Amino acid sequence: MHAAINAAFDSLCRRYWTGGSVLEIGATPTLDTLLNLPALRQSNLRLGVNIEGSSRIGGAEILALNANDLAIFDSSSFDLVVCNSTLEHDPHFWMTLSEVRRLLRPGGIAIYGVPGYIASTGPVRRGLGFMTRLWPSPLPGASWLAGASATTATLHVHNFPGDYYRFSKQAMAEVLLNGLEVKQIETLLHPPRIIGVGRKRD
């Protein structure tokens, strides 16, 4: 995980989470798992789920489960659910989000990090747009120029085991955090990573 993303998750956990139990969706038995964030070290329970297999790391347990169905946990079991670089690999991510909403206690916090895309601006984008208007479509290279002027950078395909989605800030607010009170959305890095925070209403 990029250091800036790690720092952003740690800061958001400190800002919005008031303590209690933590679940990480897509946890890995590596040092950069979110379960190892300094902000979460005082949690009374740190659990992770991953389809790869069960393991332990730094006092946290990771269970081999598909996050689309977490019936093993009772409703309202967690005060914080974190998830980074996972939803784009989940072909049925909306099922995972439904489980997160079920598992959060009233007042609980969900923090998601996903690869995104944003509207590009600046002189290069304006120049490409201007050239597209001047370059007639029958000429060689016109379709490439039109495509280049309409694109935005995004993270390359990285299969774990599949790679299905990219998200916008609007998708974070209206889809991923749907049903939660949106507290904060920020964009980091280039290509962009979008991190959103939602609170389950009391």
N, C-alpha and C. Protein backbone atom coordinates (compact mmCIF):
# COMPACT_ATOMS: atom_id res chain seq x y z
N MET A 1 0.84 -1.18 0.00
CA MET A 1 0.00 0.00 0.00
C MET A 1 0.89 1.24 0.00
N HIS A 2 0.53 2.23 -0.79
CA HIS A 2 1.28 3.47 -0.86
C HIS A 2 1.22 4.18 0.49
N ALA A 3 2.34 4.78 0.89
CA ALA A 3 2.43 5.44 2.20
C ALA A 3 1.37 6.52 2.37
N ALA A 4 1.03 7.24 1.30
CA ALA A 4 0.03 8.30 1.40
C ALA A 4 -1.35 7.73 1.70
N ILE A 5 -1.66 6.57 1.16
CA ILE A 5 -2.95 5.94 1.42
C ILE A 5 -2.99 5.42 2.85
N ASN A 6 -1.90 4.80 3.27
CA ASN A 6 -1.80 4.33 4.65
C ASN A 6 -2.02 5.49 5.62
N ALA A 7 -1.35 6.62 5.37
CA ALA A 7 -1.47 7.79 6.24
C ALA A 7 -2.89 8.36 6.22
N ALA A 8 -3.52 8.36 5.05
CA ALA A 8 -4.88 8.88 4.94
C ALA A 8 -5.85 8.01 5.74
N PHE A 9 -5.75 6.69 5.62
CA PHE A 9 -6.62 5.80 6.38
C PHE A 9 -6.39 5.99 7.88
N ASP A 10 -5.13 6.10 8.29
CA ASP A 10 -4.83 6.27 9.71
C ASP A 10 -5.44 7.57 10.23
N SER A 11 -5.30 8.64 9.47
CA SER A 11 -5.85 9.94 9.86
C SER A 11 -7.38 9.91 9.94
N LEU A 12 -8.01 9.27 8.96
CA LEU A 12 -9.48 9.20 8.95
C LEU A 12 -9.99 8.34 10.10
N CYS A 13 -9.29 7.26 10.42
CA CYS A 13 -9.68 6.44 11.56
C CYS A 13 -9.60 7.24 12.85
N ARG A 14 -8.53 8.02 12.99
CA ARG A 14 -8.37 8.85 14.19
C ARG A 14 -9.47 9.90 14.28
N ARG A 15 -9.88 10.43 13.14
CA ARG A 15 -10.87 11.51 13.13
C ARG A 15 -12.28 11.00 13.41
N TYR A 16 -12.65 9.85 12.84
CA TYR A 16 -14.06 9.45 12.88
C TYR A 16 -14.37 8.26 13.79
N TRP A 17 -13.40 7.41 14.06
CA TRP A 17 -13.65 6.22 14.85
C TRP A 17 -13.38 6.50 16.31
N THR A 18 -14.30 6.12 17.18
CA THR A 18 -14.15 6.42 18.61
C THR A 18 -13.78 5.20 19.43
N GLY A 19 -13.45 4.12 18.76
CA GLY A 19 -13.02 2.91 19.47
C GLY A 19 -14.00 1.77 19.29
N GLY A 20 -13.57 0.59 19.71
CA GLY A 20 -14.42 -0.60 19.59
C GLY A 20 -13.85 -1.57 18.58
N SER A 21 -14.73 -2.42 18.06
CA SER A 21 -14.32 -3.52 17.19
C SER A 21 -14.13 -3.08 15.74
N VAL A 22 -13.17 -3.73 15.08
CA VAL A 22 -12.78 -3.37 13.72
C VAL A 22 -12.81 -4.61 12.82
N LEU A 23 -13.34 -4.42 11.62
CA LEU A 23 -13.32 -5.46 10.59
C LEU A 23 -12.68 -4.88 9.34
N GLU A 24 -11.71 -5.61 8.77
CA GLU A 24 -11.15 -5.21 7.48
C GLU A 24 -11.60 -6.19 6.42
N ILE A 25 -12.22 -5.66 5.37
CA ILE A 25 -12.61 -6.45 4.20
C ILE A 25 -11.41 -6.49 3.26
N GLY A 26 -10.95 -7.68 2.90
CA GLY A 26 -9.80 -7.82 2.02
C GLY A 26 -8.48 -7.74 2.77
N ALA A 27 -8.49 -8.09 4.04
CA ALA A 27 -7.26 -8.05 4.85
C ALA A 27 -6.23 -9.04 4.31
N THR A 28 -4.98 -8.69 4.46
CA THR A 28 -3.89 -9.57 4.03
C THR A 28 -2.90 -9.74 5.18
N PRO A 29 -2.24 -10.89 5.26
CA PRO A 29 -1.28 -11.12 6.34
C PRO A 29 0.07 -10.48 6.03
N THR A 30 0.05 -9.18 5.74
CA THR A 30 1.26 -8.42 5.43
C THR A 30 1.30 -7.18 6.32
N LEU A 31 2.48 -6.60 6.44
CA LEU A 31 2.63 -5.46 7.34
C LEU A 31 1.76 -4.27 6.96
N ASP A 32 1.42 -4.13 5.68
CA ASP A 32 0.63 -2.97 5.28
C ASP A 32 -0.88 -3.20 5.34
N THR A 33 -1.32 -4.29 5.95
CA THR A 33 -2.76 -4.47 6.13
C THR A 33 -3.31 -3.34 7.00
N LEU A 34 -4.53 -2.93 6.75
CA LEU A 34 -5.13 -1.84 7.52
C LEU A 34 -5.27 -2.21 9.00
N LEU A 35 -5.35 -3.48 9.30
CA LEU A 35 -5.46 -3.91 10.70
C LEU A 35 -4.24 -3.49 11.52
N ASN A 36 -3.14 -3.17 10.85
CA ASN A 36 -1.92 -2.74 11.54
C ASN A 36 -1.79 -1.22 11.67
N LEU A 37 -2.80 -0.47 11.26
CA LEU A 37 -2.73 0.99 11.39
C LEU A 37 -2.50 1.37 12.85
N PRO A 38 -1.62 2.33 13.10
CA PRO A 38 -1.41 2.78 14.49
C PRO A 38 -2.72 3.21 15.17
N ALA A 39 -3.62 3.83 14.43
CA ALA A 39 -4.88 4.30 15.01
C ALA A 39 -5.74 3.15 15.53
N LEU A 40 -5.51 1.92 15.04
CA LEU A 40 -6.38 0.79 15.40
C LEU A 40 -5.76 -0.13 16.45
N ARG A 41 -4.57 0.16 16.88
CA ARG A 41 -3.87 -0.76 17.78
C ARG A 41 -4.58 -0.96 19.11
N GLN A 42 -5.37 0.01 19.55
CA GLN A 42 -6.05 -0.09 20.84
C GLN A 42 -7.44 -0.74 20.72
N SER A 43 -7.78 -1.21 19.52
CA SER A 43 -9.09 -1.84 19.34
C SER A 43 -9.22 -3.09 20.21
N ASN A 44 -10.42 -3.29 20.75
CA ASN A 44 -10.65 -4.50 21.55
C ASN A 44 -10.82 -5.74 20.69
N LEU A 45 -11.03 -5.56 19.36
CA LEU A 45 -11.17 -6.69 18.44
C LEU A 45 -10.79 -6.22 17.04
N ARG A 46 -9.79 -6.88 16.45
CA ARG A 46 -9.38 -6.61 15.07
C ARG A 46 -9.48 -7.90 14.28
N LEU A 47 -10.45 -7.93 13.36
CA LEU A 47 -10.66 -9.10 12.50
C LEU A 47 -10.57 -8.68 11.05
N GLY A 48 -10.14 -9.62 10.21
CA GLY A 48 -10.14 -9.39 8.78
C GLY A 48 -10.78 -10.57 8.07
N VAL A 49 -11.23 -10.32 6.86
CA VAL A 49 -11.74 -11.39 5.99
C VAL A 49 -11.07 -11.28 4.64
N ASN A 50 -10.83 -12.44 4.02
CA ASN A 50 -10.19 -12.49 2.73
C ASN A 50 -10.48 -13.86 2.13
N ILE A 51 -10.69 -13.91 0.82
CA ILE A 51 -10.97 -15.20 0.19
C ILE A 51 -9.72 -16.06 0.05
N GLU A 52 -8.55 -15.48 0.31
CA GLU A 52 -7.29 -16.20 0.13
C GLU A 52 -7.05 -17.29 1.18
N GLY A 53 -7.46 -17.05 2.42
CA GLY A 53 -7.19 -18.04 3.46
C GLY A 53 -7.05 -17.41 4.82
N SER A 54 -7.15 -18.22 5.86
CA SER A 54 -7.05 -17.74 7.23
C SER A 54 -5.59 -17.54 7.62
N SER A 55 -5.37 -16.57 8.51
CA SER A 55 -4.02 -16.29 9.01
C SER A 55 -4.12 -15.35 10.20
N ARG A 56 -2.97 -15.03 10.75
CA ARG A 56 -2.89 -14.06 11.84
C ARG A 56 -1.75 -13.10 11.53
N ILE A 57 -1.93 -11.85 11.99
CA ILE A 57 -0.85 -10.88 11.86
C ILE A 57 -0.99 -9.83 12.96
N GLY A 58 0.08 -9.61 13.69
CA GLY A 58 0.13 -8.56 14.70
C GLY A 58 -1.02 -8.58 15.68
N GLY A 59 -1.44 -9.75 16.12
CA GLY A 59 -2.54 -9.83 17.08
C GLY A 59 -3.92 -9.78 16.45
N ALA A 60 -4.00 -9.68 15.14
CA ALA A 60 -5.29 -9.67 14.43
C ALA A 60 -5.48 -10.99 13.72
N GLU A 61 -6.71 -11.44 13.65
CA GLU A 61 -7.04 -12.69 12.97
C GLU A 61 -7.70 -12.38 11.63
N ILE A 62 -7.32 -13.13 10.61
CA ILE A 62 -7.93 -13.01 9.28
C ILE A 62 -8.60 -14.33 8.96
N LEU A 63 -9.89 -14.26 8.63
CA LEU A 63 -10.69 -15.44 8.34
C LEU A 63 -10.88 -15.60 6.84
N ALA A 64 -10.90 -16.84 6.39
CA ALA A 64 -11.14 -17.15 4.98
C ALA A 64 -12.63 -17.09 4.71
N LEU A 65 -13.11 -15.94 4.27
CA LEU A 65 -14.53 -15.73 3.99
C LEU A 65 -14.70 -14.84 2.77
N ASN A 66 -15.80 -15.05 2.06
CA ASN A 66 -16.19 -14.17 0.97
C ASN A 66 -17.04 -13.07 1.58
N ALA A 67 -16.65 -11.81 1.39
CA ALA A 67 -17.35 -10.69 2.01
C ALA A 67 -18.75 -10.48 1.46
N ASN A 68 -19.12 -11.17 0.39
CA ASN A 68 -20.50 -11.10 -0.11
C ASN A 68 -21.48 -11.73 0.86
N ASP A 69 -21.00 -12.62 1.73
CA ASP A 69 -21.86 -13.30 2.69
C ASP A 69 -21.09 -13.48 4.00
N LEU A 70 -21.38 -12.62 4.96
CA LEU A 70 -20.71 -12.66 6.25
C LEU A 70 -21.68 -13.04 7.36
N ALA A 71 -22.55 -14.01 7.05
CA ALA A 71 -23.57 -14.45 8.01
C ALA A 71 -22.97 -15.02 9.29
N ILE A 72 -21.67 -15.32 9.26
CA ILE A 72 -21.00 -15.81 10.46
C ILE A 72 -21.02 -14.75 11.57
N PHE A 73 -21.17 -13.47 11.19
CA PHE A 73 -21.21 -12.37 12.15
C PHE A 73 -22.65 -11.90 12.36
N ASP A 74 -22.99 -11.60 13.60
CA ASP A 74 -24.30 -11.03 13.91
C ASP A 74 -24.38 -9.60 13.37
N SER A 75 -25.58 -9.14 13.13
CA SER A 75 -25.79 -7.75 12.75
C SER A 75 -25.29 -6.84 13.86
N SER A 76 -24.87 -5.66 13.49
CA SER A 76 -24.38 -4.64 14.44
C SER A 76 -23.22 -5.16 15.29
N SER A 77 -22.26 -5.83 14.65
CA SER A 77 -21.14 -6.42 15.37
C SER A 77 -19.89 -5.54 15.41
N PHE A 78 -19.80 -4.54 14.52
CA PHE A 78 -18.55 -3.79 14.40
C PHE A 78 -18.79 -2.28 14.48
N ASP A 79 -17.79 -1.61 15.06
CA ASP A 79 -17.82 -0.15 15.16
C ASP A 79 -17.13 0.51 13.97
N LEU A 80 -16.25 -0.23 13.32
CA LEU A 80 -15.51 0.29 12.17
C LEU A 80 -15.29 -0.83 11.17
N VAL A 81 -15.57 -0.54 9.90
CA VAL A 81 -15.22 -1.45 8.81
C VAL A 81 -14.36 -0.68 7.83
N VAL A 82 -13.18 -1.23 7.52
CA VAL A 82 -12.27 -0.60 6.57
C VAL A 82 -12.05 -1.54 5.40
N CYS A 83 -11.81 -0.95 4.25
CA CYS A 83 -11.65 -1.76 3.03
C CYS A 83 -10.87 -0.93 2.02
N ASN A 84 -9.74 -1.43 1.58
CA ASN A 84 -8.93 -0.72 0.59
C ASN A 84 -8.48 -1.68 -0.50
N SER A 85 -8.55 -1.20 -1.73
CA SER A 85 -8.06 -1.97 -2.90
C SER A 85 -8.70 -3.34 -2.98
N THR A 86 -9.99 -3.43 -2.67
CA THR A 86 -10.69 -4.71 -2.69
C THR A 86 -11.96 -4.66 -3.53
N LEU A 87 -12.75 -3.60 -3.41
CA LEU A 87 -14.06 -3.57 -4.07
C LEU A 87 -13.94 -3.66 -5.59
N GLU A 88 -12.84 -3.17 -6.16
CA GLU A 88 -12.67 -3.28 -7.61
C GLU A 88 -12.44 -4.72 -8.06
N HIS A 89 -12.07 -5.59 -7.12
CA HIS A 89 -11.84 -7.01 -7.42
C HIS A 89 -13.04 -7.89 -7.08
N ASP A 90 -14.08 -7.29 -6.56
CA ASP A 90 -15.27 -8.02 -6.11
C ASP A 90 -16.35 -7.92 -7.18
N PRO A 91 -16.62 -8.99 -7.94
CA PRO A 91 -17.59 -8.88 -9.03
C PRO A 91 -18.99 -8.52 -8.55
N HIS A 92 -19.27 -8.77 -7.28
CA HIS A 92 -20.58 -8.45 -6.71
C HIS A 92 -20.41 -7.53 -5.51
N PHE A 93 -19.67 -6.43 -5.69
CA PHE A 93 -19.30 -5.56 -4.57
C PHE A 93 -20.51 -5.02 -3.81
N TRP A 94 -21.67 -4.87 -4.48
CA TRP A 94 -22.86 -4.36 -3.81
C TRP A 94 -23.34 -5.31 -2.72
N MET A 95 -23.06 -6.60 -2.87
CA MET A 95 -23.41 -7.55 -1.81
C MET A 95 -22.51 -7.34 -0.59
N THR A 96 -21.24 -7.08 -0.83
CA THR A 96 -20.32 -6.77 0.26
C THR A 96 -20.76 -5.50 0.98
N LEU A 97 -21.13 -4.47 0.22
CA LEU A 97 -21.57 -3.21 0.84
C LEU A 97 -22.82 -3.41 1.69
N SER A 98 -23.72 -4.26 1.24
CA SER A 98 -24.92 -4.57 2.02
C SER A 98 -24.55 -5.24 3.33
N GLU A 99 -23.57 -6.15 3.27
CA GLU A 99 -23.11 -6.81 4.49
C GLU A 99 -22.44 -5.80 5.44
N VAL A 100 -21.68 -4.88 4.90
CA VAL A 100 -21.05 -3.86 5.75
C VAL A 100 -22.11 -3.05 6.48
N ARG A 101 -23.13 -2.60 5.76
CA ARG A 101 -24.21 -1.82 6.41
C ARG A 101 -24.89 -2.63 7.50
N ARG A 102 -25.08 -3.92 7.26
CA ARG A 102 -25.69 -4.79 8.27
C ARG A 102 -24.80 -4.94 9.48
N LEU A 103 -23.50 -5.09 9.26
CA LEU A 103 -22.57 -5.38 10.35
C LEU A 103 -22.23 -4.16 11.20
N LEU A 104 -22.38 -2.97 10.64
CA LEU A 104 -22.05 -1.78 11.41
C LEU A 104 -23.07 -1.52 12.52
N ARG A 105 -22.58 -1.15 13.67
CA ARG A 105 -23.46 -0.71 14.74
C ARG A 105 -23.97 0.69 14.40
N PRO A 106 -25.11 1.11 14.94
CA PRO A 106 -25.54 2.50 14.75
C PRO A 106 -24.42 3.45 15.20
N GLY A 107 -24.11 4.42 14.38
CA GLY A 107 -23.00 5.31 14.65
C GLY A 107 -21.67 4.79 14.16
N GLY A 108 -21.64 3.54 13.66
CA GLY A 108 -20.40 2.94 13.17
C GLY A 108 -19.92 3.60 11.88
N ILE A 109 -18.65 3.41 11.62
CA ILE A 109 -17.97 4.08 10.50
C ILE A 109 -17.49 3.05 9.48
N ALA A 110 -17.68 3.36 8.19
CA ALA A 110 -17.10 2.58 7.09
C ALA A 110 -16.15 3.50 6.33
N ILE A 111 -14.96 2.98 6.02
CA ILE A 111 -13.99 3.74 5.23
C ILE A 111 -13.54 2.85 4.08
N TYR A 112 -13.78 3.33 2.85
CA TYR A 112 -13.45 2.57 1.65
C TYR A 112 -12.39 3.32 0.83
N GLY A 113 -11.45 2.57 0.27
CA GLY A 113 -10.50 3.11 -0.69
C GLY A 113 -10.58 2.34 -1.99
N VAL A 114 -10.73 3.05 -3.10
CA VAL A 114 -10.90 2.42 -4.40
C VAL A 114 -10.10 3.16 -5.46
N PRO A 115 -9.72 2.48 -6.55
CA PRO A 115 -9.11 3.19 -7.66
C PRO A 115 -10.18 4.00 -8.38
N GLY A 116 -9.79 5.18 -8.81
CA GLY A 116 -10.80 6.04 -9.41
C GLY A 116 -10.35 6.70 -10.68
N TYR A 117 -11.17 7.62 -11.11
CA TYR A 117 -10.85 8.51 -12.20
C TYR A 117 -11.49 9.85 -11.90
N ILE A 118 -10.88 10.89 -12.36
CA ILE A 118 -11.38 12.24 -12.11
C ILE A 118 -11.31 13.03 -13.40
N ALA A 119 -12.06 14.11 -13.48
CA ALA A 119 -12.03 14.97 -14.65
C ALA A 119 -10.66 15.64 -14.74
N SER A 120 -10.02 15.53 -15.88
CA SER A 120 -8.72 16.17 -16.08
C SER A 120 -8.91 17.58 -16.58
N THR A 121 -8.11 18.47 -16.07
CA THR A 121 -8.14 19.86 -16.52
C THR A 121 -6.70 20.30 -16.75
N GLY A 122 -6.53 21.52 -17.16
CA GLY A 122 -5.18 22.05 -17.34
C GLY A 122 -4.84 22.26 -18.79
N PRO A 123 -3.64 22.77 -19.05
CA PRO A 123 -3.27 23.16 -20.42
C PRO A 123 -3.19 21.99 -21.39
N VAL A 124 -2.74 20.82 -20.95
CA VAL A 124 -2.64 19.68 -21.86
C VAL A 124 -4.04 19.27 -22.32
N ARG A 125 -4.97 19.16 -21.37
CA ARG A 125 -6.34 18.78 -21.74
C ARG A 125 -6.97 19.83 -22.66
N ARG A 126 -6.77 21.11 -22.36
CA ARG A 126 -7.33 22.17 -23.22
C ARG A 126 -6.70 22.12 -24.61
N GLY A 127 -5.38 21.87 -24.66
CA GLY A 127 -4.70 21.79 -25.95
C GLY A 127 -5.20 20.63 -26.79
N LEU A 128 -5.38 19.48 -26.16
CA LEU A 128 -5.90 18.31 -26.89
C LEU A 128 -7.32 18.58 -27.40
N GLY A 129 -8.13 19.22 -26.58
CA GLY A 129 -9.50 19.56 -27.01
C GLY A 129 -9.49 20.52 -28.18
N PHE A 130 -8.60 21.51 -28.15
CA PHE A 130 -8.49 22.48 -29.25
C PHE A 130 -8.05 21.77 -30.52
N MET A 131 -7.03 20.89 -30.42
CA MET A 131 -6.53 20.18 -31.60
C MET A 131 -7.60 19.25 -32.18
N THR A 132 -8.42 18.65 -31.31
CA THR A 132 -9.49 17.77 -31.79
C THR A 132 -10.48 18.53 -32.67
N ARG A 133 -10.77 19.78 -32.28
CA ARG A 133 -11.70 20.59 -33.08
C ARG A 133 -11.09 20.99 -34.43
N LEU A 134 -9.77 21.12 -34.48
CA LEU A 134 -9.10 21.53 -35.72
C LEU A 134 -8.80 20.37 -36.66
N TRP A 135 -8.70 19.17 -36.10
CA TRP A 135 -8.27 18.00 -36.87
C TRP A 135 -9.49 17.24 -37.38
N PRO A 136 -9.80 17.30 -38.63
CA PRO A 136 -11.00 16.62 -39.16
C PRO A 136 -10.95 15.11 -38.94
N SER A 137 -12.08 14.52 -38.68
CA SER A 137 -12.14 13.10 -38.35
C SER A 137 -11.65 12.16 -39.45
N PRO A 138 -11.72 12.49 -40.75
CA PRO A 138 -11.21 11.54 -41.74
C PRO A 138 -9.69 11.42 -41.74
N LEU A 139 -8.96 12.38 -41.16
CA LEU A 139 -7.50 12.35 -41.23
C LEU A 139 -6.92 11.30 -40.29
N PRO A 140 -5.77 10.71 -40.66
CA PRO A 140 -5.11 9.72 -39.78
C PRO A 140 -4.78 10.35 -38.42
N GLY A 141 -5.00 9.57 -37.39
CA GLY A 141 -4.70 10.04 -36.03
C GLY A 141 -5.82 10.79 -35.36
N ALA A 142 -6.86 11.13 -36.10
CA ALA A 142 -7.95 11.92 -35.51
C ALA A 142 -8.67 11.16 -34.41
N SER A 143 -8.88 9.85 -34.63
CA SER A 143 -9.60 9.08 -33.60
C SER A 143 -8.74 8.95 -32.35
N TRP A 144 -7.40 8.79 -32.51
CA TRP A 144 -6.52 8.74 -31.34
C TRP A 144 -6.57 10.06 -30.59
N LEU A 145 -6.51 11.17 -31.32
CA LEU A 145 -6.54 12.49 -30.70
C LEU A 145 -7.85 12.71 -29.95
N ALA A 146 -8.95 12.31 -30.56
CA ALA A 146 -10.25 12.46 -29.89
C ALA A 146 -10.31 11.61 -28.62
N GLY A 147 -9.77 10.40 -28.69
CA GLY A 147 -9.75 9.54 -27.51
C GLY A 147 -8.87 10.10 -26.41
N ALA A 148 -7.68 10.61 -26.80
CA ALA A 148 -6.76 11.16 -25.81
C ALA A 148 -7.35 12.38 -25.11
N SER A 149 -8.12 13.17 -25.84
CA SER A 149 -8.70 14.37 -25.22
C SER A 149 -9.87 14.04 -24.31
N ALA A 150 -10.40 12.81 -24.39
CA ALA A 150 -11.56 12.43 -23.58
C ALA A 150 -11.22 11.48 -22.45
N THR A 151 -9.93 11.15 -22.26
CA THR A 151 -9.58 10.15 -21.26
C THR A 151 -9.05 10.77 -19.97
N THR A 152 -8.98 9.94 -18.96
CA THR A 152 -8.35 10.32 -17.70
C THR A 152 -7.54 9.12 -17.21
N ALA A 153 -6.47 9.39 -16.51
CA ALA A 153 -5.61 8.31 -16.04
C ALA A 153 -6.30 7.47 -14.98
N THR A 154 -6.05 6.18 -15.00
CA THR A 154 -6.57 5.29 -13.97
C THR A 154 -5.54 4.18 -13.74
N LEU A 155 -5.68 3.51 -12.62
CA LEU A 155 -4.77 2.43 -12.26
C LEU A 155 -4.85 1.30 -13.29
N HIS A 156 -3.72 0.72 -13.63
CA HIS A 156 -3.70 -0.37 -14.61
C HIS A 156 -4.42 -1.60 -14.04
N VAL A 157 -4.79 -2.51 -14.92
CA VAL A 157 -5.46 -3.74 -14.50
C VAL A 157 -4.52 -4.55 -13.62
N HIS A 158 -5.00 -4.97 -12.48
CA HIS A 158 -4.21 -5.79 -11.55
C HIS A 158 -5.13 -6.86 -10.98
N ASN A 159 -5.05 -8.04 -11.53
CA ASN A 159 -5.98 -9.12 -11.21
C ASN A 159 -5.68 -9.77 -9.87
N PHE A 160 -6.70 -9.80 -9.00
CA PHE A 160 -6.60 -10.49 -7.70
C PHE A 160 -7.94 -11.12 -7.34
N PRO A 161 -8.50 -12.10 -7.94
CA PRO A 161 -8.06 -12.73 -9.18
C PRO A 161 -8.58 -12.01 -10.42
N GLY A 162 -9.57 -11.13 -10.27
CA GLY A 162 -10.08 -10.34 -11.39
C GLY A 162 -10.00 -8.86 -11.03
N ASP A 163 -10.21 -8.01 -12.02
CA ASP A 163 -10.18 -6.56 -11.82
C ASP A 163 -11.32 -5.98 -12.65
N TYR A 164 -12.39 -5.55 -11.98
CA TYR A 164 -13.65 -5.29 -12.67
C TYR A 164 -14.08 -3.83 -12.73
N TYR A 165 -13.68 -3.00 -11.76
CA TYR A 165 -14.30 -1.68 -11.64
C TYR A 165 -13.30 -0.57 -11.37
N ARG A 166 -13.68 0.65 -11.76
CA ARG A 166 -13.07 1.90 -11.34
C ARG A 166 -14.22 2.82 -10.92
N PHE A 167 -13.97 3.76 -10.03
CA PHE A 167 -15.04 4.55 -9.43
C PHE A 167 -14.74 6.05 -9.50
N SER A 168 -15.79 6.84 -9.52
CA SER A 168 -15.66 8.29 -9.45
C SER A 168 -16.01 8.76 -8.04
N LYS A 169 -15.77 10.05 -7.76
CA LYS A 169 -16.18 10.59 -6.46
C LYS A 169 -17.70 10.50 -6.31
N GLN A 170 -18.42 10.70 -7.40
CA GLN A 170 -19.87 10.59 -7.36
C GLN A 170 -20.29 9.16 -7.03
N ALA A 171 -19.61 8.18 -7.60
CA ALA A 171 -19.91 6.78 -7.29
C ALA A 171 -19.63 6.49 -5.82
N MET A 172 -18.55 7.06 -5.28
CA MET A 172 -18.27 6.87 -3.86
C MET A 172 -19.43 7.39 -3.02
N ALA A 173 -19.90 8.59 -3.33
CA ALA A 173 -20.96 9.21 -2.53
C ALA A 173 -22.30 8.52 -2.71
N GLU A 174 -22.65 8.19 -3.96
CA GLU A 174 -24.01 7.74 -4.25
C GLU A 174 -24.17 6.22 -4.35
N VAL A 175 -23.08 5.50 -4.51
CA VAL A 175 -23.16 4.04 -4.65
C VAL A 175 -22.48 3.35 -3.47
N LEU A 176 -21.18 3.58 -3.31
CA LEU A 176 -20.45 2.86 -2.27
C LEU A 176 -20.90 3.25 -0.87
N LEU A 177 -21.18 4.52 -0.65
CA LEU A 177 -21.62 4.98 0.67
C LEU A 177 -23.13 5.12 0.76
N ASN A 178 -23.84 4.55 -0.21
CA ASN A 178 -25.30 4.60 -0.20
C ASN A 178 -25.84 3.99 1.10
N GLY A 179 -26.80 4.66 1.73
CA GLY A 179 -27.38 4.17 2.97
C GLY A 179 -26.64 4.63 4.20
N LEU A 180 -25.49 5.29 4.01
CA LEU A 180 -24.71 5.83 5.12
C LEU A 180 -24.68 7.35 5.01
N GLU A 181 -24.43 8.00 6.11
CA GLU A 181 -24.23 9.45 6.10
C GLU A 181 -22.81 9.72 5.61
N VAL A 182 -22.67 10.40 4.49
CA VAL A 182 -21.35 10.68 3.92
C VAL A 182 -20.66 11.73 4.78
N LYS A 183 -19.49 11.37 5.30
CA LYS A 183 -18.74 12.28 6.17
C LYS A 183 -17.59 12.96 5.44
N GLN A 184 -16.92 12.24 4.55
CA GLN A 184 -15.78 12.83 3.85
C GLN A 184 -15.42 11.97 2.66
N ILE A 185 -15.00 12.63 1.58
CA ILE A 185 -14.47 11.94 0.40
C ILE A 185 -13.25 12.72 -0.05
N GLU A 186 -12.14 12.02 -0.26
CA GLU A 186 -10.94 12.69 -0.73
C GLU A 186 -10.29 11.88 -1.84
N THR A 187 -9.53 12.59 -2.67
CA THR A 187 -8.82 11.97 -3.78
C THR A 187 -7.32 12.16 -3.57
N LEU A 188 -6.56 11.08 -3.72
CA LEU A 188 -5.12 11.11 -3.53
C LEU A 188 -4.42 10.55 -4.76
N LEU A 189 -3.19 10.95 -4.95
CA LEU A 189 -2.28 10.37 -5.93
C LEU A 189 -2.74 10.57 -7.37
N HIS A 190 -1.94 10.06 -8.28
CA HIS A 190 -2.23 10.08 -9.71
C HIS A 190 -1.59 8.83 -10.33
N PRO A 191 -2.33 7.93 -10.92
CA PRO A 191 -3.78 7.90 -11.07
C PRO A 191 -4.46 7.95 -9.70
N PRO A 192 -5.70 8.46 -9.68
CA PRO A 192 -6.33 8.76 -8.40
C PRO A 192 -6.80 7.54 -7.62
N ARG A 193 -6.68 7.68 -6.30
CA ARG A 193 -7.32 6.76 -5.35
C ARG A 193 -8.35 7.60 -4.62
N ILE A 194 -9.55 7.07 -4.50
CA ILE A 194 -10.64 7.78 -3.84
C ILE A 194 -10.92 7.07 -2.52
N ILE A 195 -10.95 7.85 -1.44
CA ILE A 195 -11.24 7.32 -0.12
C ILE A 195 -12.48 8.02 0.41
N GLY A 196 -13.44 7.24 0.87
CA GLY A 196 -14.69 7.79 1.38
C GLY A 196 -15.00 7.27 2.77
N VAL A 197 -15.64 8.12 3.55
CA VAL A 197 -16.03 7.79 4.92
C VAL A 197 -17.54 7.95 5.06
N GLY A 198 -18.19 6.92 5.60
CA GLY A 198 -19.62 6.99 5.85
C GLY A 198 -19.94 6.55 7.26
N ARG A 199 -21.00 7.10 7.81
CA ARG A 199 -21.43 6.77 9.18
C ARG A 199 -22.83 6.19 9.12
N LYS A 200 -23.02 5.05 9.82
CA LYS A 200 -24.35 4.45 9.90
C LYS A 200 -25.20 5.29 10.84
N ARG A 201 -26.34 5.69 10.37
CA ARG A 201 -27.20 6.55 11.18
C ARG A 201 -27.72 5.81 12.41
N ASP A 202 -27.90 6.56 13.48
CA ASP A 202 -28.41 5.97 14.75
C ASP A 202 -29.85 5.52 14.59
